[in-house]
């Protein structure tokens, strides 16, 4: 194999590894304080579940979007988009 083709194969391999690590870093969920939720999401929970409290909130970073998952102490699970608009609801 020529020296230039070995270099090209190595370069392509390095690029693939860097892309895989970047996707893994960006595609992470992490628990956040309820106070860090968008205001619209907090208002929705207060309006629709006046006696409910937030058991936990997660910031979900996918490659192309950010969303929030909220679990209430009564078992309901809500998902909000990055601006705090409800996108999914499970009981």
C-alpha atoms as a PDB file:
ATOM      1  CA  UNK A   1       0.000   0.000   0.000  1.00  0.00           C
ATOM      2  CA  UNK A   2       1.279   3.415  -0.856  1.00  0.00           C
ATOM      3  CA  UNK A   3       2.138   5.860   1.877  1.00  0.00           C
ATOM      4  CA  UNK A   4      -0.572   8.327   0.770  1.00  0.00           C
ATOM      5  CA  UNK A   5      -3.317   5.675   0.794  1.00  0.00           C
ATOM      6  CA  UNK A   6      -2.299   4.533   4.312  1.00  0.00           C
ATOM      7  CA  UNK A   7      -2.513   8.141   5.433  1.00  0.00           C
ATOM      8  CA  UNK A   8      -5.962   8.507   3.859  1.00  0.00           C
ATOM      9  CA  UNK A   9      -7.240   5.326   5.557  1.00  0.00           C
ATOM     10  CA  UNK A  10      -5.891   6.552   8.914  1.00  0.00           C
ATOM     11  CA  UNK A  11      -7.442   9.985   8.417  1.00  0.00           C
ATOM     12  CA  UNK A  12     -10.848   8.508   7.569  1.00  0.00           C
ATOM     13  CA  UNK A  13     -10.635   6.309  10.671  1.00  0.00           C
ATOM     14  CA  UNK A  14      -9.831   9.272  12.892  1.00  0.00           C
ATOM     15  CA  UNK A  15     -12.734  11.282  11.441  1.00  0.00           C
ATOM     16  CA  UNK A  16     -15.156   8.388  12.081  1.00  0.00           C
ATOM     17  CA  UNK A  17     -14.001   8.075  15.701  1.00  0.00           C
ATOM     18  CA  UNK A  18     -14.335  11.831  16.286  1.00  0.00           C
ATOM     19  CA  UNK A  19     -17.860  11.834  14.811  1.00  0.00           C
ATOM     20  CA  UNK A  20     -18.912   8.871  16.978  1.00  0.00           C
ATOM     21  CA  UNK A  21     -17.604  10.518  20.150  1.00  0.00           C
ATOM     22  CA  UNK A  22     -19.285  13.822  19.264  1.00  0.00           C
ATOM     23  CA  UNK A  23     -22.668  12.136  18.699  1.00  0.00           C
ATOM     24  CA  UNK A  24     -22.311  10.290  22.005  1.00  0.00           C
ATOM     25  CA  UNK A  25     -21.522  13.505  23.863  1.00  0.00           C
ATOM     26  CA  UNK A  26     -24.422  15.411  22.296  1.00  0.00           C
ATOM     27  CA  UNK A  27     -26.933  12.587  22.804  1.00  0.00           C
ATOM     28  CA  UNK A  28     -27.099  12.660  26.602  1.00  0.00           C
ATOM     29  CA  UNK A  29     -29.880  13.001  29.141  1.00  0.00           C
ATOM     30  CA  UNK A  30     -29.230  14.604  32.488  1.00  0.00           C
ATOM     31  CA  UNK A  31     -31.341  15.324  35.529  1.00  0.00           C
ATOM     32  CA  UNK A  32     -31.855  19.017  36.161  1.00  0.00           C
ATOM     33  CA  UNK A  33     -33.529  21.036  38.919  1.00  0.00           C
ATOM     34  CA  UNK A  34     -37.200  21.742  38.215  1.00  0.00           C
ATOM     35  CA  UNK A  35     -36.364  25.456  38.361  1.00  0.00           C
ATOM     36  CA  UNK A  36     -34.321  25.023  35.170  1.00  0.00           C
ATOM     37  CA  UNK A  37     -37.379  24.033  33.124  1.00  0.00           C
ATOM     38  CA  UNK A  38     -38.704  26.604  30.656  1.00  0.00           C
ATOM     39  CA  UNK A  39     -41.291  28.903  32.212  1.00  0.00           C
ATOM     40  CA  UNK A  40     -44.052  27.588  29.917  1.00  0.00           C
ATOM     41  CA  UNK A  41     -43.427  24.016  31.118  1.00  0.00           C
ATOM     42  CA  UNK A  42     -43.501  25.045  34.784  1.00  0.00           C
ATOM     43  CA  UNK A  43     -46.712  27.004  34.201  1.00  0.00           C
ATOM     44  CA  UNK A  44     -48.316  24.025  32.440  1.00  0.00           C
ATOM     45  CA  UNK A  45     -47.574  21.741  35.393  1.00  0.00           C
ATOM     46  CA  UNK A  46     -48.903  24.293  37.887  1.00  0.00           C
ATOM     47  CA  UNK A  47     -52.083  24.928  35.850  1.00  0.00           C
ATOM     48  CA  UNK A  48     -52.966  21.328  34.915  1.00  0.00           C
ATOM     49  CA  UNK A  49     -51.694  19.569  38.065  1.00  0.00           C
ATOM     50  CA  UNK A  50     -52.267  22.043  40.911  1.00  0.00           C
ATOM     51  CA  UNK A  51     -51.607  19.454  43.629  1.00  0.00           C
ATOM     52  CA  UNK A  52     -48.793  17.736  41.767  1.00  0.00           C
ATOM     53  CA  UNK A  53     -45.121  18.255  42.288  1.00  0.00           C
ATOM     54  CA  UNK A  54     -42.231  17.467  40.008  1.00  0.00           C
ATOM     55  CA  UNK A  55     -40.445  14.288  41.093  1.00  0.00           C
ATOM     56  CA  UNK A  56     -37.659  14.863  38.578  1.00  0.00           C
ATOM     57  CA  UNK A  57     -36.893  16.709  35.362  1.00  0.00           C
ATOM     58  CA  UNK A  58     -34.472  15.638  32.642  1.00  0.00           C
ATOM     59  CA  UNK A  59     -32.844  17.676  29.933  1.00  0.00           C
ATOM     60  CA  UNK A  60     -32.726  15.483  26.839  1.00  0.00           C
ATOM     61  CA  UNK A  61     -30.156  16.491  24.249  1.00  0.00           C
ATOM     62  CA  UNK A  62     -30.571  14.665  20.992  1.00  0.00           C
ATOM     63  CA  UNK A  63     -28.403  15.460  18.017  1.00  0.00           C
ATOM     64  CA  UNK A  64     -30.953  17.805  16.454  1.00  0.00           C
ATOM     65  CA  UNK A  65     -33.261  18.838  19.287  1.00  0.00           C
ATOM     66  CA  UNK A  66     -33.481  19.582  22.962  1.00  0.00           C
ATOM     67  CA  UNK A  67     -36.456  18.529  25.060  1.00  0.00           C
ATOM     68  CA  UNK A  68     -37.449  18.103  28.678  1.00  0.00           C
ATOM     69  CA  UNK A  69     -38.908  15.034  30.348  1.00  0.00           C
ATOM     70  CA  UNK A  70     -40.843  15.645  33.558  1.00  0.00           C
ATOM     71  CA  UNK A  71     -42.133  12.998  35.953  1.00  0.00           C
ATOM     72  CA  UNK A  72     -44.695  14.079  38.520  1.00  0.00           C
ATOM     73  CA  UNK A  73     -45.159  12.587  41.981  1.00  0.00           C
ATOM     74  CA  UNK A  74     -48.551  11.209  40.845  1.00  0.00           C
ATOM     75  CA  UNK A  75     -46.929   9.064  38.125  1.00  0.00           C
ATOM     76  CA  UNK A  76     -47.661  11.249  35.105  1.00  0.00           C
ATOM     77  CA  UNK A  77     -44.838  11.761  32.620  1.00  0.00           C
ATOM     78  CA  UNK A  78     -44.760  14.840  30.425  1.00  0.00           C
ATOM     79  CA  UNK A  79     -42.430  15.839  27.629  1.00  0.00           C
ATOM     80  CA  UNK A  80     -41.860  19.426  26.539  1.00  0.00           C
ATOM     81  CA  UNK A  81     -39.946  20.903  23.637  1.00  0.00           C
ATOM     82  CA  UNK A  82     -37.125  23.380  24.127  1.00  0.00           C
ATOM     83  CA  UNK A  83     -39.546  26.295  24.493  1.00  0.00           C
ATOM     84  CA  UNK A  84     -41.714  24.519  27.072  1.00  0.00           C
ATOM     85  CA  UNK A  85     -44.625  23.418  24.852  1.00  0.00           C
ATOM     86  CA  UNK A  86     -46.106  20.016  25.725  1.00  0.00           C
ATOM     87  CA  UNK A  87     -45.241  17.364  23.116  1.00  0.00           C
ATOM     88  CA  UNK A  88     -46.087  14.076  24.872  1.00  0.00           C
ATOM     89  CA  UNK A  89     -48.106  12.869  27.842  1.00  0.00           C
ATOM     90  CA  UNK A  90     -48.152   9.462  29.569  1.00  0.00           C
ATOM     91  CA  UNK A  91     -50.109   8.397  32.618  1.00  0.00           C
END
